[in-house]
Amino acid sequence: MVITGIVKDPIYIEHKTGPYHPESPRRLEVLYEMLEGDEVAGLFEILCPSKATREEVEYIHKPSYFDRVAATAGLSYSYLDPDTQTSEKSFDASLYAAGGILLGIDKIMNRELKNVFALVRPPGHHAEADRGMGFCLFNNIAIGAMYAIKKYSIDRILIVDWDLHHGNGTQHSFYSDDRVLYFSTHQFPYYPGTGDFPETGKGKGKGFTINVPLSVGNGDAEYCRIFQKVLEPVAELYRPQLVLVSAGFDIYFKDPLGGMKVTPEGFAAFSQILQNIAERSADGKLLLTLEGGYHLGGLCDGVKAVIKQLAGEFKTGHLIVEKDIVEIGQKADNTIEKTISVQKEFWNCF
């Protein structure tokens, strides 16, 4: 029985970013080529998305910003900020990217699939309500979370963001909202400069933002230790009805934009932990979407490992969780202690 869906469409490759931009179409080309290989054959169902509507995008983004992105359609190159380019079909690609997440949520919530990995671009987690930034046009994961709240009347969604960079746009989308618990591990201080320990939410959302800012050099065991010591106890109390993941592969140990040491086995282990969280309270409902990752080999190997783990075919990810977490993961203890010292005001598991 196939339990995993993969969102895939050639429109995502039509978002052109120039010959030297790290967020290039080649990122998806190598992933789509990998999907044809024997190692993952038969493990997933391909999902072909439709466009998100204007109304759905405006769950998160202001109408004036939607119009700004729409105005780039058909133009060879435009800039939303110095890092964030658009081309002729970028507006369409961004609507299909958000739409791919919405399709995945429908498949999961209707129990047609257990989990989904949306291999889409442009990425989304930096996009703010009124502006694009950090290679991101529309905030795909945030739009998806609000879609799930509105369409399926759920009120406890966990978003986990393991990208190298803090998801400022996602954090700000739900900073005053207790229906979404946002948990982020990220290199700090680093772009975009947000995501320090004291950023915990405000109003009704106070305590529903958990930031774990990290120095360079953390690897598989450190991340697993953080997830087990901080994320799992909170998730046990929060009892999410849906788990969403901003999956950035720029924490891979050879990524040109990062300073972390994660391996493909680590990505599988993270996925295993999140599957376990989803199983305990959400009947396994788990969706991941692609964010960063700029070493093509590492991106390909990492995504492959995640797909195999989601489909129940990865055999070694648990070894990191059970063995190396104790032997090596103590490096993360200081960060864990700082996170807990801030979060214990809100979560009685600490």
Protein backbone atom coordinates (compact mmCIF):
# COMPACT_ATOMS: atom_id res chain seq x y z
CA MET A 1 0.00 0.00 0.00
CA VAL A 2 1.40 3.43 -0.98
CA ILE A 3 1.17 5.84 1.96
CA THR A 4 3.36 8.68 0.64
CA GLY A 5 2.56 11.34 -1.94
CA ILE A 6 5.06 13.50 -3.81
CA VAL A 7 3.96 16.85 -5.26
CA LYS A 8 5.75 17.27 -8.58
CA ASP A 9 5.16 19.50 -11.61
CA PRO A 10 7.31 20.96 -14.42
CA ILE A 11 5.94 24.44 -13.71
CA TYR A 12 8.25 24.68 -10.69
CA ILE A 13 11.28 24.47 -12.97
CA GLU A 14 9.93 27.43 -14.96
CA HIS A 15 10.71 29.77 -12.06
CA LYS A 16 13.99 31.10 -13.45
CA THR A 17 16.45 32.90 -11.18
CA GLY A 18 19.47 33.64 -13.36
CA PRO A 19 22.61 31.60 -14.04
CA TYR A 20 24.40 32.27 -10.74
CA HIS A 21 21.53 32.25 -8.27
CA PRO A 22 21.78 29.43 -5.69
CA GLU A 23 18.01 28.80 -5.74
CA SER A 24 18.07 27.52 -9.30
CA PRO A 25 15.76 25.24 -11.32
CA ARG A 26 18.51 22.64 -11.25
CA ARG A 27 17.58 21.92 -7.62
CA LEU A 28 14.31 20.35 -8.73
CA GLU A 29 15.72 18.85 -11.91
CA VAL A 30 18.06 16.62 -9.90
CA LEU A 31 15.27 15.68 -7.50
CA TYR A 32 12.86 14.80 -10.29
CA GLU A 33 15.58 12.71 -11.92
CA MET A 34 16.12 10.94 -8.60
CA LEU A 35 12.42 10.08 -8.40
CA GLU A 36 12.86 7.97 -11.55
CA GLY A 37 15.52 5.79 -9.93
CA ASP A 38 15.18 2.23 -8.73
CA GLU A 39 15.84 3.07 -5.06
CA VAL A 40 12.54 4.90 -4.64
CA ALA A 41 10.47 3.29 -7.39
CA GLY A 42 7.02 2.33 -6.18
CA LEU A 43 7.32 4.11 -2.85
CA PHE A 44 5.05 7.05 -3.60
CA GLU A 45 2.16 8.45 -5.59
CA ILE A 46 2.74 11.51 -7.76
CA LEU A 47 0.39 14.42 -7.00
CA CYS A 48 -0.21 16.98 -9.74
CA PRO A 49 -1.24 20.31 -8.21
CA SER A 50 -3.58 23.07 -9.29
CA LYS A 51 -3.10 26.76 -8.54
CA ALA A 52 -3.91 28.24 -5.17
CA THR A 53 -6.59 30.88 -5.56
CA ARG A 54 -6.14 34.54 -4.75
CA GLU A 55 -8.39 34.07 -1.72
CA GLU A 56 -6.22 31.22 -0.44
CA VAL A 57 -2.98 33.18 -0.88
CA GLU A 58 -4.59 36.11 0.93
CA TYR A 59 -5.12 33.92 4.00
CA ILE A 60 -1.53 35.05 4.70
CA HIS A 61 -0.58 37.78 2.23
CA LYS A 62 -1.93 41.29 1.74
CA PRO A 63 -3.85 42.02 -1.48
CA SER A 64 -1.32 44.70 -2.47
CA TYR A 65 1.50 42.16 -2.27
CA PHE A 66 -0.43 39.60 -4.30
CA ASP A 67 -0.86 42.30 -6.96
CA ARG A 68 2.84 43.09 -6.88
CA VAL A 69 3.81 39.49 -7.56
CA ALA A 70 1.08 39.14 -10.19
CA ALA A 71 2.48 42.18 -12.00
CA THR A 72 5.74 40.28 -12.63
CA ALA A 73 3.98 37.69 -14.83
CA GLY A 74 5.37 37.73 -18.36
CA LEU A 75 8.38 39.89 -17.46
CA SER A 76 11.81 38.43 -18.17
CA TYR A 77 13.27 39.38 -14.78
CA SER A 78 12.05 41.38 -11.81
CA TYR A 79 13.31 41.77 -8.27
CA LEU A 80 11.18 41.64 -5.13
CA ASP A 81 14.31 42.27 -3.07
CA PRO A 82 18.04 42.01 -3.86
CA ASP A 83 17.98 38.21 -3.33
CA THR A 84 14.54 37.41 -4.67
CA GLN A 85 14.03 37.30 -8.41
CA THR A 86 11.07 36.51 -10.62
CA SER A 87 10.81 35.60 -14.29
CA GLU A 88 8.01 35.16 -16.83
CA LYS A 89 6.34 32.20 -15.13
CA SER A 90 7.34 32.77 -11.51
CA PHE A 91 3.90 34.03 -10.51
CA ASP A 92 2.29 30.88 -11.90
CA ALA A 93 4.93 28.70 -10.25
CA SER A 94 4.32 30.36 -6.90
CA LEU A 95 0.58 29.76 -7.15
CA TYR A 96 1.21 26.12 -8.03
CA ALA A 97 3.70 25.84 -5.15
CA ALA A 98 1.10 26.97 -2.64
CA GLY A 99 -1.49 24.86 -4.44
CA GLY A 100 0.71 21.80 -4.13
CA ILE A 101 0.71 22.13 -0.35
CA LEU A 102 -3.09 22.52 -0.33
CA LEU A 103 -3.50 19.39 -2.44
CA GLY A 104 -1.21 17.49 -0.09
CA ILE A 105 -3.22 18.62 2.93
CA ASP A 106 -6.44 17.49 1.23
CA LYS A 107 -4.96 14.06 0.53
CA ILE A 108 -3.81 13.69 4.14
CA MET A 109 -6.93 15.07 5.82
CA ASN A 110 -9.17 12.89 3.63
CA ARG A 111 -7.02 9.86 4.55
CA GLU A 112 -6.10 9.10 0.97
CA LEU A 113 -2.41 9.26 1.93
CA LYS A 114 -0.62 9.24 5.27
CA ASN A 115 2.14 11.70 4.42
CA VAL A 116 3.19 13.99 1.59
CA PHE A 117 6.44 15.62 0.51
CA ALA A 118 5.87 18.68 -1.70
CA LEU A 119 8.90 19.07 -3.98
CA VAL A 120 8.07 22.59 -5.07
CA ARG A 121 9.68 25.93 -5.70
CA PRO A 122 9.90 28.84 -5.17
CA PRO A 123 10.36 28.18 -1.45
CA GLY A 124 8.27 30.07 1.06
CA HIS A 125 9.19 30.41 4.72
CA HIS A 126 10.82 33.87 4.50
CA ALA A 127 7.87 35.48 2.69
CA GLU A 128 6.11 38.04 4.86
CA ALA A 129 2.52 39.22 4.56
CA ASP A 130 3.55 42.22 2.49
CA ARG A 131 6.84 41.26 0.85
CA GLY A 132 8.93 38.50 -0.62
CA MET A 133 12.46 37.91 0.62
CA GLY A 134 15.14 35.27 0.92
CA PHE A 135 14.28 33.59 -2.43
CA CYS A 136 10.62 33.23 -1.29
CA LEU A 137 7.53 34.63 -3.03
CA PHE A 138 4.47 33.24 -1.21
CA ASN A 139 4.67 31.50 2.16
CA ASN A 140 3.57 28.03 1.11
CA ILE A 141 3.60 26.36 4.52
CA ALA A 142 1.78 29.24 6.22
CA ILE A 143 -0.90 29.31 3.53
CA GLY A 144 -1.27 25.56 4.00
CA ALA A 145 -1.68 25.85 7.76
CA MET A 146 -4.37 28.50 7.46
CA TYR A 147 -6.09 26.48 4.74
CA ALA A 148 -6.23 23.47 7.07
CA ILE A 149 -7.66 25.61 9.85
CA LYS A 150 -10.35 27.09 7.63
CA LYS A 151 -11.32 24.03 5.59
CA TYR A 152 -10.99 21.29 8.19
CA SER A 153 -11.76 23.26 11.37
CA ILE A 154 -8.66 22.07 13.17
CA ASP A 155 -7.06 24.25 15.79
CA ARG A 156 -3.75 22.59 16.68
CA ILE A 157 -1.14 22.55 13.92
CA LEU A 158 2.56 21.99 14.54
CA ILE A 159 4.99 23.58 12.07
CA VAL A 160 8.58 22.36 12.38
CA ASP A 161 11.21 24.30 10.45
CA TRP A 162 14.64 22.66 10.25
CA ASP A 163 16.00 24.91 7.46
CA LEU A 164 19.38 26.55 8.06
CA HIS A 165 17.69 29.97 8.08
CA HIS A 166 14.97 31.09 10.45
CA GLY A 167 11.49 31.17 8.91
CA ASN A 168 10.69 34.74 9.81
CA GLY A 169 7.61 34.88 7.57
CA THR A 170 6.07 31.75 9.07
CA GLN A 171 6.79 32.92 12.60
CA HIS A 172 5.21 36.31 11.99
CA SER A 173 2.16 34.75 10.30
CA PHE A 174 1.15 33.01 13.53
CA TYR A 175 2.91 35.04 16.22
CA SER A 176 -0.42 35.94 17.89
CA ASP A 177 -2.19 32.67 17.07
CA ASP A 178 -2.41 29.67 19.41
CA ARG A 179 -3.79 27.45 16.64
CA VAL A 180 -0.27 27.02 15.26
CA LEU A 181 2.80 26.02 17.24
CA TYR A 182 5.92 27.10 15.36
CA PHE A 183 9.19 25.32 16.22
CA SER A 184 12.43 26.32 14.49
CA THR A 185 16.05 25.19 14.63
CA HIS A 186 18.36 27.51 12.69
CA GLN A 187 21.87 28.91 12.44
CA PHE A 188 22.09 32.12 14.47
CA PRO A 189 23.04 34.90 14.14
CA TYR A 190 22.54 34.56 10.42
CA TYR A 191 20.08 35.64 7.73
CA PRO A 192 17.41 36.91 8.30
CA GLY A 193 18.44 37.89 11.85
CA THR A 194 15.25 36.75 13.59
CA GLY A 195 14.67 33.69 15.75
CA ASP A 196 16.38 34.38 19.08
CA PHE A 197 15.32 32.59 22.27
CA PRO A 198 13.03 35.37 23.63
CA GLU A 199 10.84 35.41 20.51
CA THR A 200 8.00 33.33 21.94
CA GLY A 201 4.84 34.91 20.50
CA LYS A 202 2.45 37.52 21.78
CA GLY A 203 -1.16 37.76 22.95
CA LYS A 204 -2.98 34.46 22.44
CA GLY A 205 0.13 33.16 20.70
CA LYS A 206 2.45 33.68 23.66
CA GLY A 207 4.41 30.46 24.14
CA PHE A 208 3.45 29.04 20.75
CA THR A 209 6.71 30.06 19.08
CA ILE A 210 9.76 28.03 20.07
CA ASN A 211 13.11 29.11 18.65
CA VAL A 212 16.28 27.06 19.03
CA PRO A 213 19.09 29.28 17.65
CA LEU A 214 22.26 27.30 16.94
CA SER A 215 25.92 28.02 16.39
CA VAL A 216 27.68 26.38 13.46
CA GLY A 217 28.82 22.78 13.57
CA ASN A 218 25.74 20.92 14.77
CA GLY A 219 25.06 17.58 13.15
CA ASP A 220 22.70 14.61 13.18
CA ALA A 221 22.94 13.77 16.87
CA GLU A 222 22.61 17.36 18.08
CA TYR A 223 19.47 17.97 16.05
CA CYS A 224 17.95 14.67 17.16
CA ARG A 225 18.74 15.49 20.78
CA ILE A 226 17.04 18.89 20.45
CA PHE A 227 13.98 17.33 18.87
CA GLN A 228 13.75 14.69 21.58
CA LYS A 229 14.47 16.95 24.57
CA VAL A 230 12.47 20.01 23.51
CA LEU A 231 10.09 19.29 20.65
CA GLU A 232 8.74 15.89 21.69
CA PRO A 233 7.72 16.88 25.24
CA VAL A 234 5.93 20.00 23.97
CA ALA A 235 4.22 18.07 21.18
CA GLU A 236 3.03 15.51 23.74
CA LEU A 237 1.21 18.30 25.56
CA TYR A 238 0.06 20.21 22.48
CA ARG A 239 -1.31 17.14 20.68
CA PRO A 240 -1.17 18.50 17.11
CA GLN A 241 -3.86 17.39 14.69
CA LEU A 242 -1.54 17.95 11.71
CA VAL A 243 2.25 18.23 11.46
CA LEU A 244 3.77 20.45 8.77
CA VAL A 245 7.50 20.74 8.04
CA SER A 246 9.61 23.37 6.31
CA ALA A 247 12.32 20.96 5.20
CA GLY A 248 15.51 22.80 4.35
CA PHE A 249 18.48 20.76 3.22
CA ASP A 250 20.97 23.61 3.60
CA ILE A 251 21.99 22.11 6.96
CA TYR A 252 23.73 19.37 4.95
CA PHE A 253 27.40 19.17 5.87
CA LYS A 254 28.66 20.33 2.46
CA ASP A 255 26.08 23.02 1.74
CA PRO A 256 27.75 26.17 0.37
CA LEU A 257 25.48 28.54 2.32
CA GLY A 258 25.62 26.82 5.69
CA GLY A 259 27.81 25.67 8.53
CA MET A 260 26.02 22.59 9.85
CA LYS A 261 27.02 18.92 9.65
CA VAL A 262 23.84 16.98 8.90
CA THR A 263 24.00 13.83 6.75
CA PRO A 264 21.27 12.07 4.74
CA GLU A 265 20.89 9.62 7.63
CA GLY A 266 20.20 12.61 9.87
CA PHE A 267 17.39 13.84 7.63
CA ALA A 268 15.84 10.37 7.80
CA ALA A 269 16.13 10.40 11.59
CA PHE A 270 14.44 13.83 11.84
CA SER A 271 11.63 12.52 9.67
CA GLN A 272 11.30 9.47 11.89
CA ILE A 273 10.92 11.64 14.98
CA LEU A 274 8.27 13.77 13.29
CA GLN A 275 6.43 10.68 12.04
CA ASN A 276 6.32 9.45 15.62
CA ILE A 277 4.93 12.78 16.82
CA ALA A 278 2.30 12.73 14.08
CA GLU A 279 1.36 9.12 14.87
CA ARG A 280 0.80 9.85 18.55
CA SER A 281 -1.79 12.58 18.09
CA ALA A 282 -2.61 13.08 14.41
CA ASP A 283 -3.00 9.55 13.04
CA GLY A 284 0.27 10.09 11.16
CA LYS A 285 -0.83 13.22 9.28
CA LEU A 286 2.47 14.73 8.13
CA LEU A 287 3.36 17.04 5.25
CA LEU A 288 6.81 18.33 4.34
CA THR A 289 7.62 21.03 1.82
CA LEU A 290 10.98 21.84 0.30
CA GLU A 291 12.68 25.01 1.45
CA GLY A 292 16.46 25.49 1.08
CA GLY A 293 19.32 23.20 0.09
CA TYR A 294 22.01 24.26 -2.37
CA HIS A 295 24.46 21.37 -2.62
CA LEU A 296 22.82 19.35 -5.35
CA GLY A 297 24.27 16.02 -4.27
CA GLY A 298 23.35 16.59 -0.64
CA LEU A 299 19.90 17.81 -1.58
CA CYS A 300 19.29 14.72 -3.69
CA ASP A 301 20.59 12.27 -1.08
CA GLY A 302 18.77 14.01 1.75
CA VAL A 303 15.41 14.09 0.00
CA LYS A 304 15.82 10.47 -1.07
CA ALA A 305 16.49 9.45 2.54
CA VAL A 306 13.40 11.34 3.72
CA ILE A 307 11.18 9.73 1.06
CA LYS A 308 12.41 6.28 2.02
CA GLN A 309 11.78 7.02 5.69
CA LEU A 310 8.27 8.35 5.00
CA ALA A 311 7.48 5.22 3.02
CA GLY A 312 8.86 2.92 5.71
CA GLU A 313 11.86 1.78 3.68
CA PHE A 314 14.78 3.48 5.47
CA LYS A 315 16.62 1.12 7.79
CA THR A 316 19.31 3.13 9.60
CA GLY A 317 17.80 6.45 10.71
CA HIS A 318 16.81 4.99 14.10
CA LEU A 319 20.45 4.21 14.87
CA ILE A 320 21.23 7.91 15.13
CA VAL A 321 18.33 8.49 17.47
CA GLU A 322 19.15 5.59 19.78
CA LYS A 323 22.96 5.43 19.72
CA ASP A 324 24.76 8.57 18.66
CA ILE A 325 22.37 10.95 20.41
CA VAL A 326 23.83 9.90 23.75
CA GLU A 327 27.45 9.74 22.68
CA ILE A 328 27.70 12.95 20.67
CA GLY A 329 24.58 15.00 21.21
CA GLN A 330 25.70 16.60 24.48
CA LYS A 331 27.13 19.44 22.39
CA ALA A 332 23.57 20.72 22.10
CA ASP A 333 22.84 20.62 25.84
CA ASN A 334 23.65 24.28 26.49
CA THR A 335 21.25 25.38 23.77
CA ILE A 336 18.62 22.97 25.05
CA GLU A 337 18.98 24.37 28.57
CA LYS A 338 18.57 27.96 27.32
CA THR A 339 15.52 27.02 25.28
CA ILE A 340 13.91 25.25 28.21
CA SER A 341 14.65 28.15 30.57
CA VAL A 342 12.59 30.39 28.29
CA GLN A 343 9.84 27.91 27.44
CA LYS A 344 9.19 26.45 30.91
CA GLU A 345 6.98 29.48 31.60
CA PHE A 346 4.57 28.14 29.00
CA TRP A 347 5.03 24.36 29.00
CA ASN A 348 4.83 22.35 32.24
CA CYS A 349 6.72 19.44 30.69
CA PHE A 350 9.97 21.28 31.55
